[in-house]
Amino acid sequence: MKLLVLFYSTYGHVYRLAQAIADGAREVPGVDVVLKRVPETLSAEAIKSMGATEAQKAFASVPIATVGDLVDAGAVIFGTPTRFGNMAGQMRQFLDGTGGLWAQGKLVGKVGSVFVSSATQHGGQESTILSFHTTLLHHGMVIVGLPYAFQGQMRLDEITGGSPYGASTIAGAKASAWQVRTSLRPRDFRAGTWPRSRKSCRPSRQFHPYLVSRCLGVSN
C-alpha cells in the first residue's frame, strides 16, 4: 500500500514532522512511503522578507506533488503550519485544485490524517486540524487522529504539542523553538489496543495513522 506524506513548510518545522512520520511508516511492513510537498505560492522576495530562504533550502529537493498523487495513494497524511487557525494558503490552494477528484469520488474510502505546527501554545493547532478535516470529509476520506492512548499528550509538566485530532509541534514566536521530545513521540507510540483488535495487526514500535487504518480494515 502507498502512503503519501504531503506537507507545506515555511521554516522547516512541518518538514521535520513529516520526516518523522515518514520514518515511522517505513517500519510498517508492506508500506510504500512517498514524501512530497505542495507548491510554494509566495515569491522568492516574499520568502526572503520572512527570513525563510535558508530554511527552505533544507527541503528544496523534496518532490512537488500534483493532485494525481492523492489518487495513487491509499492513505494521505497532510502537514501544514497554522495560519490564523486555518491551514496555510499554499495547502489550501493545492486542495482547491481537487474538485475534479471530488466529482469522480477518487478519494472516497482513503485514509486521511493531519499534523500541524504553530508559533504559540494556543496558536490554532486544533482548529487548523478540525477545519482541515472538513475538506477530507467532503472527499469521503476516513479520518484518523491521535488517541489519548498516547499518554504523552496528557502531560502538564511542559509545553508540548499533540491532541486527539492529530500530531503537532510548537515552533516558537521566532520560529526558533523545536519541541522535539514529546512532539515526535507520537511516532514512537505503541499502537495500544488497535493491533490486538485484529489478528492481522501486529504490535509496532512506532505509531502511525496507517497502522490504525490497517487495524480498521481500511485498504486501497
N, C-alpha and C. Protein backbone atom coordinates (compact mmCIF):
# COMPACT_ATOMS: atom_id res chain seq x y z
N MET A 1 0.83 -1.19 0.00
CA MET A 1 0.00 0.00 0.00
C MET A 1 0.87 1.25 0.00
N LYS A 2 0.48 2.26 -0.77
CA LYS A 2 1.25 3.50 -0.85
C LYS A 2 0.69 4.53 0.13
N LEU A 3 1.58 5.10 0.91
CA LEU A 3 1.24 6.16 1.85
C LEU A 3 1.92 7.44 1.42
N LEU A 4 1.15 8.49 1.21
CA LEU A 4 1.70 9.79 0.82
C LEU A 4 1.72 10.71 2.04
N VAL A 5 2.90 11.21 2.37
CA VAL A 5 3.04 12.25 3.40
C VAL A 5 3.22 13.56 2.64
N LEU A 6 2.20 14.39 2.69
CA LEU A 6 2.17 15.61 1.88
C LEU A 6 2.17 16.82 2.80
N PHE A 7 3.10 17.75 2.60
CA PHE A 7 3.23 18.86 3.54
C PHE A 7 3.52 20.18 2.85
N TYR A 8 3.28 21.24 3.61
CA TYR A 8 3.82 22.56 3.27
C TYR A 8 4.56 23.05 4.51
N SER A 9 5.72 23.63 4.30
CA SER A 9 6.51 24.14 5.42
C SER A 9 7.17 25.45 5.02
N THR A 10 7.21 26.40 5.95
CA THR A 10 7.88 27.67 5.70
C THR A 10 9.28 27.68 6.29
N TYR A 11 9.38 27.35 7.58
CA TYR A 11 10.66 27.40 8.27
C TYR A 11 11.25 26.02 8.56
N GLY A 12 10.56 24.96 8.16
CA GLY A 12 11.12 23.63 8.31
C GLY A 12 10.57 22.78 9.42
N HIS A 13 9.74 23.36 10.32
CA HIS A 13 9.21 22.58 11.42
C HIS A 13 8.25 21.49 10.94
N VAL A 14 7.36 21.84 10.04
CA VAL A 14 6.43 20.85 9.49
C VAL A 14 7.19 19.80 8.67
N TYR A 15 8.23 20.24 8.00
CA TYR A 15 9.06 19.30 7.24
C TYR A 15 9.67 18.25 8.16
N ARG A 16 10.18 18.68 9.32
CA ARG A 16 10.79 17.73 10.24
C ARG A 16 9.75 16.76 10.81
N LEU A 17 8.55 17.26 11.07
CA LEU A 17 7.48 16.36 11.49
C LEU A 17 7.15 15.36 10.38
N ALA A 18 7.12 15.85 9.15
CA ALA A 18 6.83 14.97 8.01
C ALA A 18 7.88 13.88 7.90
N GLN A 19 9.13 14.24 8.10
CA GLN A 19 10.21 13.24 8.07
C GLN A 19 10.02 12.18 9.14
N ALA A 20 9.66 12.62 10.36
CA ALA A 20 9.47 11.69 11.47
C ALA A 20 8.32 10.73 11.17
N ILE A 21 7.23 11.26 10.61
CA ILE A 21 6.08 10.43 10.28
C ILE A 21 6.44 9.43 9.20
N ALA A 22 7.15 9.90 8.19
CA ALA A 22 7.56 9.01 7.10
C ALA A 22 8.48 7.91 7.61
N ASP A 23 9.41 8.26 8.50
CA ASP A 23 10.32 7.26 9.06
C ASP A 23 9.55 6.20 9.83
N GLY A 24 8.55 6.64 10.61
CA GLY A 24 7.76 5.68 11.37
C GLY A 24 6.97 4.75 10.46
N ALA A 25 6.41 5.30 9.40
CA ALA A 25 5.60 4.49 8.49
C ALA A 25 6.43 3.46 7.75
N ARG A 26 7.68 3.79 7.48
CA ARG A 26 8.54 2.85 6.74
C ARG A 26 8.84 1.59 7.54
N GLU A 27 8.61 1.63 8.85
CA GLU A 27 8.85 0.44 9.65
C GLU A 27 7.65 -0.51 9.66
N VAL A 28 6.55 -0.10 9.03
CA VAL A 28 5.39 -0.98 8.91
C VAL A 28 5.54 -1.80 7.64
N PRO A 29 5.61 -3.12 7.73
CA PRO A 29 5.80 -3.96 6.55
C PRO A 29 4.72 -3.72 5.50
N GLY A 30 5.14 -3.66 4.25
CA GLY A 30 4.20 -3.52 3.16
C GLY A 30 3.78 -2.12 2.81
N VAL A 31 4.37 -1.12 3.50
CA VAL A 31 4.01 0.27 3.24
C VAL A 31 5.06 0.93 2.36
N ASP A 32 4.62 1.49 1.26
CA ASP A 32 5.48 2.24 0.36
C ASP A 32 5.25 3.72 0.65
N VAL A 33 6.22 4.36 1.30
CA VAL A 33 6.06 5.74 1.76
C VAL A 33 6.62 6.71 0.73
N VAL A 34 5.82 7.73 0.41
CA VAL A 34 6.25 8.79 -0.50
C VAL A 34 6.13 10.13 0.22
N LEU A 35 7.19 10.90 0.25
CA LEU A 35 7.21 12.21 0.89
C LEU A 35 7.23 13.29 -0.19
N LYS A 36 6.21 14.15 -0.20
CA LYS A 36 6.14 15.23 -1.18
C LYS A 36 5.63 16.50 -0.53
N ARG A 37 5.82 17.63 -1.21
CA ARG A 37 5.37 18.92 -0.71
C ARG A 37 4.46 19.58 -1.74
N VAL A 38 3.62 20.48 -1.27
CA VAL A 38 2.77 21.21 -2.20
C VAL A 38 3.55 22.40 -2.74
N PRO A 39 3.16 22.95 -3.87
CA PRO A 39 3.91 24.06 -4.47
C PRO A 39 3.90 25.31 -3.60
N GLU A 40 5.01 26.02 -3.61
CA GLU A 40 5.10 27.31 -2.94
C GLU A 40 4.41 28.36 -3.79
N THR A 41 3.63 29.21 -3.17
CA THR A 41 2.92 30.26 -3.90
C THR A 41 3.51 31.64 -3.66
N LEU A 42 4.37 31.77 -2.66
CA LEU A 42 5.00 33.06 -2.38
C LEU A 42 6.20 33.28 -3.30
N SER A 43 6.47 34.52 -3.59
CA SER A 43 7.62 34.87 -4.41
C SER A 43 8.90 34.70 -3.60
N ALA A 44 10.02 34.59 -4.30
CA ALA A 44 11.32 34.48 -3.62
C ALA A 44 11.57 35.71 -2.76
N GLU A 45 11.11 36.86 -3.23
CA GLU A 45 11.29 38.09 -2.47
C GLU A 45 10.50 38.06 -1.17
N ALA A 46 9.27 37.53 -1.24
CA ALA A 46 8.44 37.44 -0.04
C ALA A 46 9.04 36.47 0.97
N ILE A 47 9.53 35.35 0.49
CA ILE A 47 10.14 34.36 1.37
C ILE A 47 11.39 34.95 2.04
N LYS A 48 12.16 35.71 1.30
CA LYS A 48 13.35 36.35 1.86
C LYS A 48 12.97 37.34 2.95
N SER A 49 11.91 38.11 2.71
CA SER A 49 11.47 39.10 3.70
C SER A 49 11.00 38.45 4.98
N MET A 50 10.57 37.18 4.89
CA MET A 50 10.11 36.43 6.05
C MET A 50 11.26 35.73 6.76
N GLY A 51 12.45 35.82 6.18
CA GLY A 51 13.62 35.15 6.77
C GLY A 51 13.59 33.65 6.62
N ALA A 52 12.95 33.16 5.55
CA ALA A 52 12.77 31.71 5.38
C ALA A 52 13.58 31.12 4.24
N THR A 53 14.37 31.94 3.56
CA THR A 53 15.10 31.46 2.39
C THR A 53 16.03 30.31 2.72
N GLU A 54 16.85 30.48 3.74
CA GLU A 54 17.80 29.43 4.11
C GLU A 54 17.09 28.19 4.63
N ALA A 55 16.04 28.40 5.42
CA ALA A 55 15.30 27.26 5.98
C ALA A 55 14.70 26.40 4.89
N GLN A 56 14.20 27.02 3.84
CA GLN A 56 13.54 26.27 2.77
C GLN A 56 14.52 25.49 1.90
N LYS A 57 15.79 25.83 1.96
CA LYS A 57 16.78 25.08 1.20
C LYS A 57 16.89 23.64 1.70
N ALA A 58 16.54 23.42 2.96
CA ALA A 58 16.65 22.09 3.56
C ALA A 58 15.73 21.08 2.90
N PHE A 59 14.59 21.54 2.38
CA PHE A 59 13.65 20.61 1.77
C PHE A 59 13.36 20.95 0.31
N ALA A 60 14.24 21.72 -0.31
CA ALA A 60 14.06 22.10 -1.71
C ALA A 60 14.10 20.90 -2.64
N SER A 61 14.78 19.84 -2.22
CA SER A 61 14.90 18.65 -3.06
C SER A 61 13.70 17.71 -2.96
N VAL A 62 12.80 17.97 -2.03
CA VAL A 62 11.61 17.13 -1.89
C VAL A 62 10.70 17.37 -3.10
N PRO A 63 10.26 16.33 -3.78
CA PRO A 63 9.44 16.49 -4.98
C PRO A 63 8.14 17.23 -4.69
N ILE A 64 7.71 18.01 -5.67
CA ILE A 64 6.44 18.74 -5.56
C ILE A 64 5.31 17.84 -6.05
N ALA A 65 4.23 17.80 -5.30
CA ALA A 65 3.11 16.91 -5.60
C ALA A 65 2.16 17.51 -6.62
N THR A 66 1.40 16.64 -7.26
CA THR A 66 0.26 17.02 -8.08
C THR A 66 -0.97 16.36 -7.48
N VAL A 67 -2.15 16.79 -7.88
CA VAL A 67 -3.35 16.19 -7.31
C VAL A 67 -3.46 14.71 -7.66
N GLY A 68 -2.81 14.31 -8.74
CA GLY A 68 -2.82 12.90 -9.10
C GLY A 68 -2.16 12.01 -8.08
N ASP A 69 -1.22 12.58 -7.31
CA ASP A 69 -0.55 11.79 -6.26
C ASP A 69 -1.54 11.34 -5.19
N LEU A 70 -2.59 12.11 -4.97
CA LEU A 70 -3.60 11.73 -3.98
C LEU A 70 -4.34 10.48 -4.43
N VAL A 71 -4.57 10.36 -5.71
CA VAL A 71 -5.28 9.20 -6.26
C VAL A 71 -4.43 7.95 -6.15
N ASP A 72 -3.14 8.10 -6.35
CA ASP A 72 -2.23 6.95 -6.35
C ASP A 72 -2.03 6.37 -4.95
N ALA A 73 -2.30 7.15 -3.92
CA ALA A 73 -2.05 6.70 -2.55
C ALA A 73 -3.29 6.06 -1.93
N GLY A 74 -3.06 5.10 -1.04
CA GLY A 74 -4.16 4.51 -0.29
C GLY A 74 -4.45 5.28 0.98
N ALA A 75 -3.46 6.06 1.44
CA ALA A 75 -3.61 6.89 2.62
C ALA A 75 -2.76 8.14 2.44
N VAL A 76 -3.26 9.26 2.95
CA VAL A 76 -2.53 10.53 2.84
C VAL A 76 -2.49 11.21 4.20
N ILE A 77 -1.30 11.60 4.62
CA ILE A 77 -1.14 12.34 5.86
C ILE A 77 -0.65 13.74 5.48
N PHE A 78 -1.48 14.73 5.80
CA PHE A 78 -1.22 16.10 5.40
C PHE A 78 -0.59 16.89 6.53
N GLY A 79 0.42 17.70 6.21
CA GLY A 79 1.06 18.54 7.21
C GLY A 79 1.05 20.00 6.80
N THR A 80 0.70 20.88 7.73
CA THR A 80 0.64 22.31 7.43
C THR A 80 0.93 23.14 8.67
N PRO A 81 1.55 24.30 8.52
CA PRO A 81 1.61 25.25 9.63
C PRO A 81 0.24 25.90 9.79
N THR A 82 -0.02 26.44 10.95
CA THR A 82 -1.28 27.14 11.16
C THR A 82 -1.18 28.57 10.63
N ARG A 83 -2.28 29.05 10.10
CA ARG A 83 -2.38 30.44 9.65
C ARG A 83 -3.69 31.01 10.19
N PHE A 84 -3.61 31.68 11.34
CA PHE A 84 -4.80 32.25 11.97
C PHE A 84 -5.87 31.19 12.20
N GLY A 85 -5.44 30.02 12.66
CA GLY A 85 -6.38 28.95 12.97
C GLY A 85 -6.82 28.13 11.79
N ASN A 86 -6.18 28.33 10.65
CA ASN A 86 -6.50 27.56 9.45
C ASN A 86 -5.22 27.04 8.82
N MET A 87 -5.38 26.18 7.82
CA MET A 87 -4.22 25.67 7.09
C MET A 87 -3.56 26.80 6.31
N ALA A 88 -2.31 26.60 5.93
CA ALA A 88 -1.58 27.58 5.14
C ALA A 88 -2.24 27.73 3.76
N GLY A 89 -2.13 28.92 3.19
CA GLY A 89 -2.73 29.18 1.89
C GLY A 89 -2.19 28.28 0.80
N GLN A 90 -0.93 27.89 0.91
CA GLN A 90 -0.33 27.01 -0.09
C GLN A 90 -1.04 25.65 -0.12
N MET A 91 -1.34 25.12 1.06
CA MET A 91 -2.06 23.85 1.13
C MET A 91 -3.51 24.03 0.67
N ARG A 92 -4.11 25.16 1.05
CA ARG A 92 -5.49 25.43 0.63
C ARG A 92 -5.61 25.51 -0.88
N GLN A 93 -4.65 26.17 -1.51
CA GLN A 93 -4.69 26.29 -2.97
C GLN A 93 -4.54 24.93 -3.63
N PHE A 94 -3.67 24.10 -3.06
CA PHE A 94 -3.48 22.76 -3.62
C PHE A 94 -4.79 21.98 -3.54
N LEU A 95 -5.43 22.02 -2.38
CA LEU A 95 -6.67 21.27 -2.19
C LEU A 95 -7.81 21.83 -3.03
N ASP A 96 -7.79 23.14 -3.28
CA ASP A 96 -8.82 23.74 -4.10
C ASP A 96 -8.74 23.25 -5.55
N GLY A 97 -7.63 22.63 -5.88
CA GLY A 97 -7.48 22.08 -7.23
C GLY A 97 -7.94 20.64 -7.34
N THR A 98 -8.59 20.11 -6.28
CA THR A 98 -9.00 18.70 -6.29
C THR A 98 -10.48 18.53 -6.60
N GLY A 99 -11.11 19.56 -7.12
CA GLY A 99 -12.53 19.47 -7.43
C GLY A 99 -12.87 18.34 -8.39
N GLY A 100 -12.00 18.12 -9.35
CA GLY A 100 -12.22 17.04 -10.30
C GLY A 100 -12.19 15.67 -9.63
N LEU A 101 -11.29 15.52 -8.66
CA LEU A 101 -11.22 14.25 -7.93
C LEU A 101 -12.49 14.05 -7.10
N TRP A 102 -12.97 15.15 -6.49
CA TRP A 102 -14.19 15.08 -5.71
C TRP A 102 -15.38 14.66 -6.58
N ALA A 103 -15.48 15.23 -7.76
CA ALA A 103 -16.61 14.94 -8.66
C ALA A 103 -16.63 13.48 -9.07
N GLN A 104 -15.46 12.87 -9.13
CA GLN A 104 -15.36 11.48 -9.54
C GLN A 104 -15.25 10.51 -8.36
N GLY A 105 -15.24 11.05 -7.14
CA GLY A 105 -15.14 10.20 -5.95
C GLY A 105 -13.83 9.45 -5.85
N LYS A 106 -12.76 10.06 -6.33
CA LYS A 106 -11.48 9.37 -6.40
C LYS A 106 -10.83 9.13 -5.03
N LEU A 107 -11.22 9.91 -4.03
CA LEU A 107 -10.57 9.78 -2.72
C LEU A 107 -11.48 9.11 -1.69
N VAL A 108 -12.65 8.69 -2.10
CA VAL A 108 -13.59 8.05 -1.17
C VAL A 108 -12.99 6.77 -0.60
N GLY A 109 -13.01 6.65 0.72
CA GLY A 109 -12.51 5.46 1.39
C GLY A 109 -11.04 5.47 1.70
N LYS A 110 -10.30 6.45 1.21
CA LYS A 110 -8.88 6.54 1.53
C LYS A 110 -8.71 7.11 2.94
N VAL A 111 -7.64 6.73 3.60
CA VAL A 111 -7.37 7.20 4.96
C VAL A 111 -6.70 8.57 4.89
N GLY A 112 -7.16 9.50 5.74
CA GLY A 112 -6.57 10.82 5.81
C GLY A 112 -6.27 11.22 7.24
N SER A 113 -5.15 11.91 7.44
CA SER A 113 -4.78 12.39 8.76
C SER A 113 -4.04 13.71 8.60
N VAL A 114 -3.97 14.51 9.68
CA VAL A 114 -3.39 15.85 9.60
C VAL A 114 -2.44 16.09 10.76
N PHE A 115 -1.30 16.74 10.49
CA PHE A 115 -0.40 17.19 11.55
C PHE A 115 -0.05 18.65 11.28
N VAL A 116 0.23 19.41 12.35
CA VAL A 116 0.41 20.85 12.20
C VAL A 116 1.52 21.38 13.10
N SER A 117 1.87 22.64 12.85
CA SER A 117 2.82 23.37 13.68
C SER A 117 2.32 24.79 13.84
N SER A 118 2.50 25.36 15.04
CA SER A 118 2.12 26.75 15.28
C SER A 118 3.24 27.46 16.03
N ALA A 119 3.20 28.78 16.01
CA ALA A 119 4.24 29.56 16.67
C ALA A 119 4.04 29.60 18.17
N THR A 120 2.78 29.51 18.63
CA THR A 120 2.49 29.64 20.05
C THR A 120 1.69 28.45 20.56
N GLN A 121 1.60 28.34 21.88
CA GLN A 121 0.92 27.22 22.50
C GLN A 121 -0.56 27.17 22.10
N HIS A 122 -1.19 28.33 22.01
CA HIS A 122 -2.60 28.39 21.64
C HIS A 122 -2.73 29.03 20.26
N GLY A 123 -1.94 28.55 19.35
CA GLY A 123 -1.86 29.16 18.02
C GLY A 123 -2.81 28.60 16.99
N GLY A 124 -3.86 27.91 17.43
CA GLY A 124 -4.85 27.41 16.49
C GLY A 124 -4.58 26.02 15.95
N GLN A 125 -3.81 25.23 16.68
CA GLN A 125 -3.49 23.89 16.20
C GLN A 125 -4.75 23.04 16.00
N GLU A 126 -5.61 23.02 17.01
CA GLU A 126 -6.79 22.16 16.92
C GLU A 126 -7.77 22.66 15.86
N SER A 127 -7.97 23.98 15.79
CA SER A 127 -8.89 24.49 14.79
C SER A 127 -8.36 24.27 13.38
N THR A 128 -7.04 24.31 13.24
CA THR A 128 -6.45 24.05 11.93
C THR A 128 -6.72 22.61 11.50
N ILE A 129 -6.50 21.67 12.41
CA ILE A 129 -6.74 20.27 12.07
C ILE A 129 -8.21 20.00 11.80
N LEU A 130 -9.08 20.52 12.67
CA LEU A 130 -10.51 20.27 12.53
C LEU A 130 -11.06 20.89 11.25
N SER A 131 -10.63 22.10 10.91
CA SER A 131 -11.10 22.72 9.68
C SER A 131 -10.55 22.00 8.45
N PHE A 132 -9.37 21.43 8.59
CA PHE A 132 -8.78 20.61 7.52
C PHE A 132 -9.63 19.37 7.30
N HIS A 133 -10.13 18.80 8.39
CA HIS A 133 -10.96 17.60 8.29
C HIS A 133 -12.18 17.81 7.41
N THR A 134 -12.70 19.03 7.38
CA THR A 134 -13.88 19.30 6.56
C THR A 134 -13.63 18.94 5.09
N THR A 135 -12.47 19.34 4.59
CA THR A 135 -12.13 19.02 3.20
C THR A 135 -12.02 17.51 3.00
N LEU A 136 -11.40 16.83 3.95
CA LEU A 136 -11.23 15.38 3.83
C LEU A 136 -12.59 14.67 3.86
N LEU A 137 -13.49 15.16 4.68
CA LEU A 137 -14.83 14.57 4.76
C LEU A 137 -15.61 14.78 3.46
N HIS A 138 -15.45 15.94 2.85
CA HIS A 138 -16.11 16.18 1.57
C HIS A 138 -15.62 15.20 0.51
N HIS A 139 -14.38 14.79 0.65
CA HIS A 139 -13.81 13.82 -0.29
C HIS A 139 -14.15 12.38 0.10
N GLY A 140 -14.78 12.20 1.25
CA GLY A 140 -15.14 10.85 1.67
C GLY A 140 -14.01 10.07 2.27
N MET A 141 -13.00 10.76 2.77
CA MET A 141 -11.86 10.07 3.36
C MET A 141 -12.18 9.62 4.78
N VAL A 142 -11.48 8.59 5.24
CA VAL A 142 -11.63 8.07 6.60
C VAL A 142 -10.57 8.74 7.48
N ILE A 143 -11.02 9.53 8.45
CA ILE A 143 -10.10 10.35 9.24
C ILE A 143 -9.54 9.58 10.43
N VAL A 144 -8.24 9.73 10.62
CA VAL A 144 -7.55 9.11 11.76
C VAL A 144 -6.83 10.20 12.55
N GLY A 145 -6.97 10.20 13.86
CA GLY A 145 -6.31 11.18 14.71
C GLY A 145 -5.25 10.54 15.59
N LEU A 146 -5.05 11.13 16.77
CA LEU A 146 -4.07 10.63 17.72
C LEU A 146 -4.77 10.43 19.06
N PRO A 147 -5.16 9.21 19.41
CA PRO A 147 -5.97 8.98 20.60
C PRO A 147 -5.21 9.20 21.90
N TYR A 148 -5.98 9.32 22.98
CA TYR A 148 -5.37 9.54 24.28
C TYR A 148 -4.65 8.30 24.81
N ALA A 149 -4.70 7.22 24.05
CA ALA A 149 -3.86 6.08 24.42
C ALA A 149 -2.39 6.48 24.35
N PHE A 150 -2.09 7.52 23.58
CA PHE A 150 -0.75 8.12 23.61
C PHE A 150 -0.71 9.08 24.79
N GLN A 151 -0.09 8.63 25.89
CA GLN A 151 -0.11 9.36 27.15
C GLN A 151 0.69 10.66 27.10
N GLY A 152 1.57 10.81 26.13
CA GLY A 152 2.41 11.99 26.07
C GLY A 152 1.65 13.28 25.94
N GLN A 153 0.46 13.24 25.34
CA GLN A 153 -0.31 14.46 25.17
C GLN A 153 -1.11 14.85 26.42
N MET A 154 -0.98 14.06 27.48
CA MET A 154 -1.70 14.35 28.71
C MET A 154 -0.80 14.98 29.77
N ARG A 155 0.48 15.14 29.46
CA ARG A 155 1.40 15.66 30.45
C ARG A 155 1.20 17.16 30.65
N LEU A 156 1.49 17.64 31.88
CA LEU A 156 1.31 19.04 32.23
C LEU A 156 2.59 19.69 32.72
N ASP A 157 3.68 18.94 32.70
CA ASP A 157 4.92 19.46 33.25
C ASP A 157 5.73 20.28 32.24
N GLU A 158 5.31 20.30 30.98
CA GLU A 158 5.99 21.12 29.99
C GLU A 158 5.02 21.43 28.86
N ILE A 159 5.34 22.46 28.11
CA ILE A 159 4.51 22.83 26.96
C ILE A 159 4.86 21.92 25.79
N THR A 160 3.85 21.22 25.28
CA THR A 160 4.09 20.29 24.20
C THR A 160 2.97 20.39 23.16
N GLY A 161 3.20 19.77 22.03
CA GLY A 161 2.18 19.69 21.01
C GLY A 161 1.41 18.39 21.15
N GLY A 162 0.49 18.16 20.21
CA GLY A 162 -0.29 16.93 20.21
C GLY A 162 -1.69 17.12 20.74
N SER A 163 -2.66 16.47 20.09
CA SER A 163 -4.05 16.49 20.53
C SER A 163 -4.72 15.25 19.96
N PRO A 164 -5.93 14.92 20.42
CA PRO A 164 -6.60 13.74 19.86
C PRO A 164 -6.93 13.89 18.38
N TYR A 165 -6.79 15.11 17.86
CA TYR A 165 -7.11 15.34 16.45
C TYR A 165 -5.91 15.10 15.53
N GLY A 166 -4.69 15.11 16.12
CA GLY A 166 -3.51 14.86 15.30
C GLY A 166 -2.24 15.33 15.97
N ALA A 167 -1.10 14.93 15.42
CA ALA A 167 0.20 15.32 15.95
C ALA A 167 0.48 16.79 15.64
N SER A 168 1.25 17.44 16.51
CA SER A 168 1.58 18.84 16.30
C SER A 168 2.82 19.21 17.07
N THR A 169 3.36 20.40 16.76
CA THR A 169 4.51 20.91 17.49
C THR A 169 4.37 22.42 17.64
N ILE A 170 5.16 23.00 18.54
CA ILE A 170 5.15 24.44 18.78
C ILE A 170 6.51 24.98 18.37
N ALA A 171 6.51 25.85 17.38
CA ALA A 171 7.76 26.33 16.81
C ALA A 171 8.36 27.49 17.57
N GLY A 172 7.56 28.26 18.29
CA GLY A 172 8.06 29.45 18.97
C GLY A 172 7.79 30.69 18.13
N ALA A 173 7.65 31.82 18.78
CA ALA A 173 7.27 33.06 18.10
C ALA A 173 8.27 33.47 17.03
N LYS A 174 9.54 33.11 17.21
CA LYS A 174 10.57 33.46 16.24
C LYS A 174 10.97 32.25 15.40
N ALA A 175 10.11 31.22 15.42
CA ALA A 175 10.35 30.00 14.64
C ALA A 175 11.68 29.35 15.01
N SER A 176 12.10 29.55 16.27
CA SER A 176 13.39 29.02 16.69
C SER A 176 13.27 27.83 17.63
N ALA A 177 12.11 27.67 18.25
CA ALA A 177 11.93 26.57 19.19
C ALA A 177 11.64 25.29 18.45
N TRP A 178 11.90 24.18 19.10
CA TRP A 178 11.59 22.89 18.48
C TRP A 178 11.31 21.88 19.58
N GLN A 179 10.03 21.58 19.78
CA GLN A 179 9.63 20.67 20.85
C GLN A 179 9.86 19.24 20.40
N VAL A 180 11.12 18.83 20.42
CA VAL A 180 11.47 17.54 19.84
C VAL A 180 10.89 16.36 20.62
N ARG A 181 11.08 16.36 21.91
CA ARG A 181 10.82 15.14 22.67
C ARG A 181 9.38 14.66 22.57
N THR A 182 8.45 15.45 23.06
CA THR A 182 7.08 14.98 23.07
C THR A 182 6.43 15.09 21.70
N SER A 183 6.78 16.10 20.93
CA SER A 183 6.16 16.28 19.63
C SER A 183 6.45 15.11 18.70
N LEU A 184 7.61 14.51 18.83
CA LEU A 184 7.95 13.39 17.96
C LEU A 184 7.60 12.06 18.59
N ARG A 185 7.23 12.06 19.85
CA ARG A 185 6.90 10.80 20.50
C ARG A 185 5.68 10.09 19.90
N PRO A 186 4.69 10.81 19.36
CA PRO A 186 3.58 10.07 18.78
C PRO A 186 4.02 9.03 17.76
N ARG A 187 5.11 9.29 17.03
CA ARG A 187 5.56 8.30 16.06
C ARG A 187 6.23 7.11 16.75
N ASP A 188 6.59 7.27 18.03
CA ASP A 188 7.18 6.16 18.78
C ASP A 188 6.17 5.48 19.69
N PHE A 189 4.94 5.96 19.63
CA PHE A 189 3.88 5.43 20.49
C PHE A 189 3.47 4.04 20.04
N ARG A 190 3.48 3.10 20.96
CA ARG A 190 2.99 1.77 20.62
C ARG A 190 1.51 1.83 20.32
N ALA A 191 1.07 1.07 19.40
CA ALA A 191 -0.28 1.23 18.86
C ALA A 191 -1.38 0.74 19.78
N GLY A 192 -1.06 0.54 21.03
CA GLY A 192 -2.07 0.28 22.05
C GLY A 192 -2.97 -0.90 21.74
N THR A 193 -4.26 -0.71 21.86
CA THR A 193 -5.20 -1.81 21.71
C THR A 193 -5.54 -2.11 20.26
N TRP A 194 -5.22 -1.20 19.33
CA TRP A 194 -5.58 -1.46 17.95
C TRP A 194 -4.98 -2.73 17.38
N PRO A 195 -3.66 -2.97 17.54
CA PRO A 195 -3.09 -4.19 16.98
C PRO A 195 -3.73 -5.44 17.55
N ARG A 196 -4.29 -5.35 18.74
CA ARG A 196 -4.89 -6.53 19.35
C ARG A 196 -6.34 -6.73 18.89
N SER A 197 -6.89 -5.74 18.18
CA SER A 197 -8.28 -5.84 17.76
C SER A 197 -8.48 -6.75 16.57
N ARG A 198 -7.37 -7.00 15.84
CA ARG A 198 -7.43 -7.90 14.70
C ARG A 198 -6.16 -8.73 14.67
N LYS A 199 -6.29 -10.01 14.40
CA LYS A 199 -5.14 -10.89 14.41
C LYS A 199 -4.13 -10.51 13.34
N SER A 200 -4.59 -9.84 12.29
CA SER A 200 -3.68 -9.48 11.20
C SER A 200 -2.80 -8.30 11.54
N CYS A 201 -3.07 -7.62 12.65
CA CYS A 201 -2.31 -6.43 13.01
C CYS A 201 -1.31 -6.77 14.10
N ARG A 202 -0.06 -6.55 13.81
CA ARG A 202 0.99 -6.84 14.77
C ARG A 202 1.43 -5.58 15.48
N PRO A 203 1.80 -5.70 16.78
CA PRO A 203 2.29 -4.53 17.51
C PRO A 203 3.50 -3.94 16.81
N SER A 204 3.57 -2.63 16.76
CA SER A 204 4.69 -1.95 16.12
C SER A 204 5.34 -1.01 17.12
N ARG A 205 6.63 -0.83 17.00
CA ARG A 205 7.33 0.10 17.89
C ARG A 205 6.87 1.52 17.64
N GLN A 206 6.40 1.79 16.44
CA GLN A 206 6.05 3.16 16.11
C GLN A 206 4.58 3.29 15.75
N PHE A 207 3.96 4.30 16.29
CA PHE A 207 2.58 4.60 15.97
C PHE A 207 2.53 5.37 14.67
N HIS A 208 1.56 5.05 13.85
CA HIS A 208 1.37 5.79 12.62
C HIS A 208 -0.08 5.65 12.19
N PRO A 209 -0.71 6.69 11.68
CA PRO A 209 -2.10 6.56 11.24
C PRO A 209 -2.33 5.42 10.28
N TYR A 210 -1.33 5.08 9.48
CA TYR A 210 -1.53 3.96 8.56
C TYR A 210 -1.73 2.66 9.31
N LEU A 211 -1.01 2.49 10.43
CA LEU A 211 -1.18 1.27 11.22
C LEU A 211 -2.60 1.16 11.72
N VAL A 212 -3.17 2.29 12.15
CA VAL A 212 -4.55 2.31 12.59
C VAL A 212 -5.47 1.91 11.44
N SER A 213 -5.18 2.39 10.24
CA SER A 213 -6.02 2.07 9.10
C SER A 213 -5.99 0.58 8.80
N ARG A 214 -4.83 -0.03 8.99
CA ARG A 214 -4.75 -1.48 8.78
C ARG A 214 -5.64 -2.20 9.77
N CYS A 215 -5.60 -1.77 11.00
CA CYS A 215 -6.37 -2.45 12.04
C CYS A 215 -7.86 -2.18 11.92
N LEU A 216 -8.23 -1.12 11.24
CA LEU A 216 -9.63 -0.87 10.98
C LEU A 216 -10.11 -1.57 9.72
N GLY A 217 -9.17 -2.22 9.05
CA GLY A 217 -9.54 -2.95 7.84
C GLY A 217 -9.67 -2.07 6.61
N VAL A 218 -9.07 -0.87 6.65
CA VAL A 218 -9.14 0.03 5.52
C VAL A 218 -7.94 -0.20 4.63
N SER A 219 -8.16 -0.40 3.37
CA SER A 219 -7.05 -0.61 2.44
C SER A 219 -7.42 -0.05 1.09
N ASN A 220 -6.43 -0.02 0.22
CA ASN A 220 -6.67 0.52 -1.10
C ASN A 220 -6.79 -0.61 -2.13
